[in-house]
Amino acid sequence: MFSYHQKPDWHIADSEATPESKFLDRRSFMKTMGIGGLMLGGFQNCQAQSATINTMLPPLPDYTKNAAYKDAGRAITEEKLVTSYNNFYEFGFSKSDPAKNAKNFSLDPYTLTIDGHCDNPMKVDLDQIEKLGLEERVYRFRCVEAWAMTVPWIGVPLSKLIEQAQPNSKAKYVAFTCFYDPKRAKGQNDKRYDWPYYEGLRLDEAMNELTMITTGYYGKRLLPQSGTPLRIITPWKYGYKGPKSIVKMTFTDVEPKTYWNTAIPKEYKFYSNVDPEVPHPRWSQAREQFLGERLKNKPTELYNGYGKQVAKMYADRKRDLY
């Protein structure tokens, strides 16, 4: 634990990113439920762990750079920030915990099960997924806690994998189930929460051109703290809508339950689209804080700036899609 005088200049204190006076962090909710003892790990230690893990992971296959998404209109966030400051509660409730506690985690050998309302249920490995065509896309990323970053994700459009499974006419949604391993993921030992993590999208959202199943970033494979071996990215939604380390996809005809909506239904809704005019019940979403800066001095954009690609999906709904 490093002292208040040793925090690096990029560090965003929880009290700044999510003001304590308004309990703006979901960790504050968890603390009220009796989860305490949160500690900040040293940045230099996290950076060293990331470097070690990188040498252990196999290289990514060749990938292309999608010219349509070569930038996101703002600078790419430094890799060391993205890999050392994030939420992955399976490995701890402080921002620095995942890099420390997930450093030896893997799902190898990996298999993704695809079932439900589809004509071709299957089990696929990472190699089969990546052979669908890896590409790099630079996306904006927006956390519900009002901090943001920009990441060069590497992956496959989720639509390509869905097409392989051939969902039938009953399929209206896709439900995602993440790994469950409480021996290695100590956060999953808290039985007050419904582990493993689970999320869901409407089928048209999952098929949208933006939605990716990602296996890498910054030219490398995803590190354990970022959701190895793969995670879902939906850049127009708040970050928790992109489940990490998923092991199952199920096509369903009913809206699937989602983790945070189940835990705190008044605060986290199914759609969770980024919208500056729809506040979280406990804080405003009008402005955001770019990771590496200290102030929420940037206006939040509707759909995180991706309205051209996604607004048509919500034309018949109210703005209150938080």
Protein backbone atom coordinates (compact mmCIF):
# COMPACT_ATOMS: atom_id res chain seq x y z
CA MET A 1 0.00 0.00 0.00
CA PHE A 2 1.59 3.25 -1.03
CA SER A 3 1.14 6.40 0.97
CA TYR A 4 -0.81 9.45 -0.08
CA HIS A 5 2.49 11.15 -0.90
CA GLN A 6 3.55 8.37 -3.27
CA LYS A 7 0.54 8.22 -5.60
CA PRO A 8 1.56 8.76 -9.23
CA ASP A 9 0.39 11.92 -10.92
CA TRP A 10 -2.02 10.02 -13.20
CA HIS A 11 -3.84 8.37 -10.29
CA ILE A 12 -7.53 9.21 -9.96
CA ALA A 13 -8.54 8.95 -6.35
CA ASP A 14 -11.86 7.22 -5.73
CA SER A 15 -13.04 10.41 -4.03
CA GLU A 16 -12.33 12.36 -7.21
CA ALA A 17 -13.64 9.90 -9.77
CA THR A 18 -16.70 9.16 -7.64
CA PRO A 19 -17.26 11.76 -4.91
CA GLU A 20 -17.49 10.18 -1.48
CA SER A 21 -20.15 12.62 -0.37
CA LYS A 22 -22.57 11.14 -2.88
CA PHE A 23 -21.37 7.52 -2.67
CA LEU A 24 -20.70 7.52 -6.38
CA ASP A 25 -18.78 4.27 -6.63
CA ARG A 26 -20.46 0.88 -6.64
CA ARG A 27 -17.72 -0.05 -4.18
CA SER A 28 -19.39 2.35 -1.75
CA PHE A 29 -22.54 0.28 -2.06
CA MET A 30 -20.54 -2.84 -1.43
CA LYS A 31 -18.90 -1.28 1.60
CA THR A 32 -22.32 -0.60 3.09
CA MET A 33 -22.94 -4.32 2.70
CA GLY A 34 -19.88 -5.07 4.80
CA ILE A 35 -17.12 -5.43 2.24
CA GLY A 36 -14.15 -3.47 3.55
CA GLY A 37 -10.43 -3.57 3.80
CA LEU A 38 -9.85 -2.12 0.33
CA MET A 39 -6.24 -1.22 -0.39
CA LEU A 40 -4.49 0.52 -3.24
CA GLY A 41 -1.59 -1.43 -4.73
CA GLY A 42 1.53 0.35 -5.95
CA PHE A 43 1.50 1.43 -9.56
CA GLN A 44 5.06 0.33 -10.14
CA ASN A 45 4.19 -3.15 -8.89
CA CYS A 46 1.18 -3.32 -11.24
CA GLN A 47 3.33 -2.21 -14.15
CA ALA A 48 5.95 -4.86 -13.39
CA GLN A 49 3.28 -7.55 -13.14
CA SER A 50 1.83 -6.51 -16.50
CA ALA A 51 5.24 -6.74 -18.12
CA THR A 52 5.80 -10.22 -16.68
CA ILE A 53 2.42 -11.47 -17.82
CA ASN A 54 2.95 -10.13 -21.33
CA THR A 55 5.97 -12.39 -21.77
CA MET A 56 3.90 -15.42 -20.72
CA LEU A 57 1.06 -14.96 -23.18
CA PRO A 58 1.26 -16.32 -26.74
CA PRO A 59 1.34 -13.65 -29.44
CA LEU A 60 -1.80 -12.64 -31.26
CA PRO A 61 -2.32 -13.95 -34.79
CA ASP A 62 -1.98 -11.42 -37.60
CA TYR A 63 -4.68 -8.76 -37.58
CA THR A 64 -5.74 -5.85 -39.74
CA LYS A 65 -6.39 -2.27 -38.70
CA ASN A 66 -9.91 -1.19 -39.54
CA ALA A 67 -9.54 2.18 -41.26
CA ALA A 68 -13.09 3.17 -40.30
CA TYR A 69 -12.08 3.00 -36.62
CA LYS A 70 -8.45 4.12 -36.74
CA ASP A 71 -9.11 6.77 -34.11
CA ALA A 72 -11.89 7.86 -31.79
CA GLY A 73 -11.45 11.61 -32.05
CA ARG A 74 -9.19 11.75 -29.00
CA ALA A 75 -5.85 10.39 -27.86
CA ILE A 76 -5.38 6.72 -27.03
CA THR A 77 -5.05 6.17 -23.29
CA GLU A 78 -1.65 5.02 -22.08
CA GLU A 79 -1.50 1.24 -21.84
CA LYS A 80 -0.15 1.33 -18.29
CA LEU A 81 -3.28 3.17 -17.14
CA VAL A 82 -5.70 0.79 -18.83
CA THR A 83 -3.97 -2.27 -17.38
CA SER A 84 -3.60 -0.99 -13.83
CA TYR A 85 -6.83 0.94 -13.18
CA ASN A 86 -10.05 -0.92 -13.80
CA ASN A 87 -13.03 -2.73 -12.32
CA PHE A 88 -13.03 -6.53 -12.19
CA TYR A 89 -14.67 -7.32 -8.86
CA GLU A 90 -13.98 -11.03 -9.15
CA PHE A 91 -10.41 -10.08 -8.26
CA GLY A 92 -11.00 -7.29 -5.76
CA PHE A 93 -12.92 -4.08 -5.22
CA SER A 94 -10.14 -1.51 -5.53
CA LYS A 95 -9.10 -0.28 -8.95
CA SER A 96 -5.60 -1.69 -8.55
CA ASP A 97 -6.68 -5.10 -7.21
CA PRO A 98 -7.29 -6.87 -10.56
CA ALA A 99 -3.73 -6.33 -11.81
CA LYS A 100 -2.41 -7.74 -8.54
CA ASN A 101 -4.84 -10.56 -7.86
CA ALA A 102 -5.46 -11.84 -11.41
CA LYS A 103 -1.81 -12.00 -12.44
CA ASN A 104 -1.70 -15.82 -12.72
CA PHE A 105 -5.26 -16.31 -13.92
CA SER A 106 -6.09 -18.03 -17.21
CA LEU A 107 -8.88 -20.08 -18.78
CA ASP A 108 -6.58 -22.43 -20.65
CA PRO A 109 -7.68 -24.62 -22.34
CA TYR A 110 -10.51 -22.28 -23.29
CA THR A 111 -13.89 -23.21 -24.69
CA LEU A 112 -16.86 -20.94 -25.37
CA THR A 113 -20.24 -22.69 -25.34
CA ILE A 114 -22.95 -21.28 -27.61
CA ASP A 115 -26.47 -22.60 -27.13
CA GLY A 116 -30.14 -21.67 -26.83
CA HIS A 117 -32.38 -20.71 -29.74
CA CYS A 118 -29.95 -21.41 -32.56
CA ASP A 119 -29.72 -24.02 -35.30
CA ASN A 120 -26.02 -24.65 -34.82
CA PRO A 121 -25.15 -24.81 -31.11
CA MET A 122 -21.43 -25.26 -30.72
CA LYS A 123 -18.35 -25.15 -28.58
CA VAL A 124 -15.50 -23.12 -30.00
CA ASP A 125 -11.96 -22.42 -28.87
CA LEU A 126 -10.02 -19.19 -29.08
CA ASP A 127 -8.29 -20.17 -32.31
CA GLN A 128 -11.61 -20.78 -34.06
CA ILE A 129 -12.92 -17.40 -32.95
CA GLU A 130 -9.80 -15.51 -34.02
CA LYS A 131 -9.82 -17.20 -37.43
CA LEU A 132 -13.05 -15.33 -38.16
CA GLY A 133 -10.84 -12.31 -38.80
CA LEU A 134 -9.02 -10.26 -36.18
CA GLU A 135 -9.00 -6.50 -36.55
CA GLU A 136 -7.99 -3.51 -34.47
CA ARG A 137 -10.51 -0.79 -33.71
CA VAL A 138 -9.88 2.28 -31.59
CA TYR A 139 -12.96 2.87 -29.42
CA ARG A 140 -14.01 5.24 -26.72
CA PHE A 141 -14.83 3.54 -23.44
CA ARG A 142 -17.09 5.06 -20.79
CA CYS A 143 -17.42 3.74 -17.24
CA VAL A 144 -20.67 4.29 -15.36
CA GLU A 145 -18.56 5.98 -12.68
CA ALA A 146 -18.01 8.87 -15.14
CA TRP A 147 -14.39 8.15 -16.08
CA ALA A 148 -13.43 7.40 -19.65
CA MET A 149 -10.59 6.10 -21.79
CA THR A 150 -9.72 5.29 -25.40
CA VAL A 151 -8.45 1.81 -26.26
CA PRO A 152 -7.17 0.08 -29.43
CA TRP A 153 -9.12 -3.17 -29.04
CA ILE A 154 -8.28 -6.21 -31.16
CA GLY A 155 -10.98 -8.74 -31.87
CA VAL A 156 -13.72 -10.02 -34.13
CA PRO A 157 -17.11 -8.44 -34.81
CA LEU A 158 -19.49 -10.43 -32.63
CA SER A 159 -21.89 -10.71 -35.57
CA LYS A 160 -19.46 -13.08 -37.30
CA LEU A 161 -19.59 -15.52 -34.41
CA ILE A 162 -23.36 -15.19 -34.09
CA GLU A 163 -23.78 -15.97 -37.77
CA GLN A 164 -21.87 -19.21 -37.23
CA ALA A 165 -24.41 -20.26 -34.60
CA GLN A 166 -27.41 -19.43 -36.83
CA PRO A 167 -29.89 -18.05 -34.27
CA ASN A 168 -33.47 -18.96 -35.19
CA SER A 169 -36.66 -16.89 -35.21
CA LYS A 170 -37.15 -17.34 -31.45
CA ALA A 171 -33.85 -15.62 -30.62
CA LYS A 172 -34.42 -12.06 -29.44
CA TYR A 173 -31.55 -11.64 -26.97
CA VAL A 174 -28.07 -12.95 -26.22
CA ALA A 175 -27.16 -13.81 -22.63
CA PHE A 176 -23.50 -13.99 -21.56
CA THR A 177 -22.15 -16.01 -18.64
CA CYS A 178 -18.67 -15.42 -17.26
CA PHE A 179 -16.28 -17.83 -15.58
CA TYR A 180 -16.78 -19.15 -12.07
CA ASP A 181 -13.71 -20.09 -10.06
CA PRO A 182 -13.88 -18.84 -6.45
CA LYS A 183 -10.63 -20.58 -5.56
CA ARG A 184 -8.70 -18.28 -7.88
CA ALA A 185 -11.12 -15.36 -8.04
CA LYS A 186 -11.52 -14.56 -4.37
CA GLY A 187 -14.21 -11.94 -4.94
CA GLN A 188 -16.56 -14.74 -5.97
CA ASN A 189 -16.49 -16.08 -2.43
CA ASP A 190 -18.88 -13.35 -1.31
CA LYS A 191 -22.16 -15.24 -1.44
CA ARG A 192 -24.29 -12.12 -1.09
CA TYR A 193 -23.79 -11.61 -4.82
CA ASP A 194 -25.01 -13.80 -7.61
CA TRP A 195 -21.84 -15.16 -9.18
CA PRO A 196 -20.75 -15.73 -11.87
CA TYR A 197 -21.12 -12.37 -13.59
CA TYR A 198 -23.76 -12.33 -16.31
CA GLU A 199 -24.93 -9.82 -18.87
CA GLY A 200 -27.13 -9.58 -21.93
CA LEU A 201 -27.86 -7.70 -25.13
CA ARG A 202 -30.75 -7.50 -27.49
CA LEU A 203 -29.93 -9.55 -30.58
CA ASP A 204 -29.79 -6.49 -32.82
CA GLU A 205 -27.37 -4.86 -30.36
CA ALA A 206 -25.17 -7.95 -30.41
CA MET A 207 -25.26 -7.93 -34.21
CA ASN A 208 -24.49 -4.20 -34.48
CA GLU A 209 -21.36 -3.33 -36.44
CA LEU A 210 -19.71 -1.85 -33.33
CA THR A 211 -20.04 -4.86 -31.03
CA MET A 212 -16.83 -6.84 -30.74
CA ILE A 213 -15.64 -9.98 -29.06
CA THR A 214 -12.12 -8.87 -28.18
CA THR A 215 -9.03 -10.95 -27.43
CA GLY A 216 -6.37 -8.26 -27.39
CA TYR A 217 -5.38 -4.62 -27.09
CA TYR A 218 -2.27 -2.54 -27.71
CA GLY A 219 -1.00 -5.20 -30.11
CA LYS A 220 -1.02 -7.89 -27.39
CA ARG A 221 -3.39 -10.38 -25.86
CA LEU A 222 -5.73 -9.23 -23.12
CA LEU A 223 -4.11 -9.41 -19.72
CA PRO A 224 -5.94 -11.32 -16.98
CA GLN A 225 -7.05 -8.12 -15.25
CA SER A 226 -8.71 -6.98 -18.47
CA GLY A 227 -10.78 -10.11 -19.09
CA THR A 228 -8.59 -12.77 -20.64
CA PRO A 229 -9.05 -14.57 -22.95
CA LEU A 230 -11.94 -12.56 -24.37
CA ARG A 231 -14.53 -9.97 -23.47
CA ILE A 232 -17.44 -8.18 -25.12
CA ILE A 233 -17.10 -4.51 -26.08
CA THR A 234 -20.14 -2.29 -26.77
CA PRO A 235 -18.69 1.24 -26.90
CA TRP A 236 -22.03 3.10 -26.81
CA LYS A 237 -22.94 1.52 -23.46
CA TYR A 238 -21.47 1.84 -19.99
CA GLY A 239 -18.52 -0.45 -19.43
CA TYR A 240 -20.24 -3.02 -17.20
CA LYS A 241 -22.35 -4.07 -20.21
CA GLY A 242 -19.18 -5.65 -21.62
CA PRO A 243 -18.66 -8.86 -19.63
CA LYS A 244 -15.12 -10.17 -19.15
CA SER A 245 -13.81 -13.73 -19.42
CA ILE A 246 -17.06 -15.09 -20.80
CA VAL A 247 -17.52 -18.85 -21.16
CA LYS A 248 -21.06 -19.09 -22.51
CA MET A 249 -23.44 -17.35 -24.93
CA THR A 250 -27.12 -18.28 -24.93
CA PHE A 251 -29.77 -17.12 -27.40
CA THR A 252 -33.06 -16.53 -25.63
CA ASP A 253 -36.55 -15.23 -26.37
CA VAL A 254 -36.84 -13.27 -23.11
CA GLU A 255 -34.81 -10.36 -21.78
CA PRO A 256 -31.99 -11.94 -19.75
CA LYS A 257 -31.23 -10.94 -16.21
CA THR A 258 -28.07 -8.88 -15.79
CA TYR A 259 -25.69 -8.77 -12.85
CA TRP A 260 -25.93 -5.16 -11.70
CA ASN A 261 -29.63 -4.85 -12.44
CA THR A 262 -30.18 -7.88 -10.19
CA ALA A 263 -27.95 -6.46 -7.44
CA ILE A 264 -29.25 -2.86 -7.52
CA PRO A 265 -32.30 -2.74 -9.85
CA LYS A 266 -33.13 0.91 -9.16
CA GLU A 267 -29.70 2.03 -10.33
CA TYR A 268 -28.63 -0.23 -13.19
CA LYS A 269 -30.99 -0.94 -16.08
CA PHE A 270 -30.83 -3.42 -18.91
CA TYR A 271 -29.96 -1.03 -21.75
CA SER A 272 -27.47 1.25 -19.96
CA ASN A 273 -26.75 3.41 -22.99
CA VAL A 274 -24.46 6.37 -22.36
CA ASP A 275 -26.65 9.47 -22.09
CA PRO A 276 -25.61 12.82 -20.58
CA GLU A 277 -29.25 13.74 -19.94
CA VAL A 278 -30.11 10.62 -17.98
CA PRO A 279 -28.27 10.74 -14.64
CA HIS A 280 -27.44 7.77 -12.52
CA PRO A 281 -29.78 8.00 -9.50
CA ARG A 282 -26.82 9.13 -7.36
CA TRP A 283 -24.76 11.30 -9.73
CA SER A 284 -24.79 13.21 -12.97
CA GLN A 285 -23.55 11.72 -16.24
CA ALA A 286 -23.29 15.10 -17.98
CA ARG A 287 -19.49 15.25 -17.84
CA GLU A 288 -16.70 12.70 -17.81
CA GLN A 289 -13.14 12.41 -16.56
CA PHE A 290 -10.58 11.07 -19.03
CA LEU A 291 -8.29 8.51 -17.40
CA GLY A 292 -5.03 10.24 -16.59
CA GLU A 293 -6.67 13.60 -15.87
CA ARG A 294 -8.10 14.87 -12.61
CA LEU A 295 -11.19 16.83 -13.59
CA LYS A 296 -14.50 15.91 -15.14
CA ASN A 297 -14.04 18.61 -17.74
CA LYS A 298 -15.30 16.88 -20.89
CA PRO A 299 -18.98 16.77 -21.83
CA THR A 300 -20.45 13.30 -22.16
CA GLU A 301 -21.80 12.51 -25.63
CA LEU A 302 -25.05 10.67 -26.27
CA TYR A 303 -24.27 7.02 -27.03
CA ASN A 304 -20.65 7.92 -26.22
CA GLY A 305 -20.42 9.55 -29.66
CA TYR A 306 -21.66 6.51 -31.62
CA GLY A 307 -25.19 7.69 -32.37
CA LYS A 308 -24.71 7.30 -36.11
CA GLN A 309 -24.22 3.57 -35.71
CA VAL A 310 -26.73 2.81 -32.96
CA ALA A 311 -29.46 5.47 -32.58
CA LYS A 312 -31.73 3.73 -35.07
CA MET A 313 -32.03 0.75 -32.74
CA TYR A 314 -33.75 2.91 -30.12
CA ALA A 315 -35.94 5.11 -32.31
CA ASP A 316 -39.12 3.66 -30.78
CA ARG A 317 -37.98 4.03 -27.18
CA LYS A 318 -37.75 6.86 -24.68
CA ARG A 319 -34.42 8.48 -23.85
CA ASP A 320 -34.58 6.90 -20.41
CA LEU A 321 -32.50 3.89 -21.37
CA TYR A 322 -30.12 4.12 -18.45
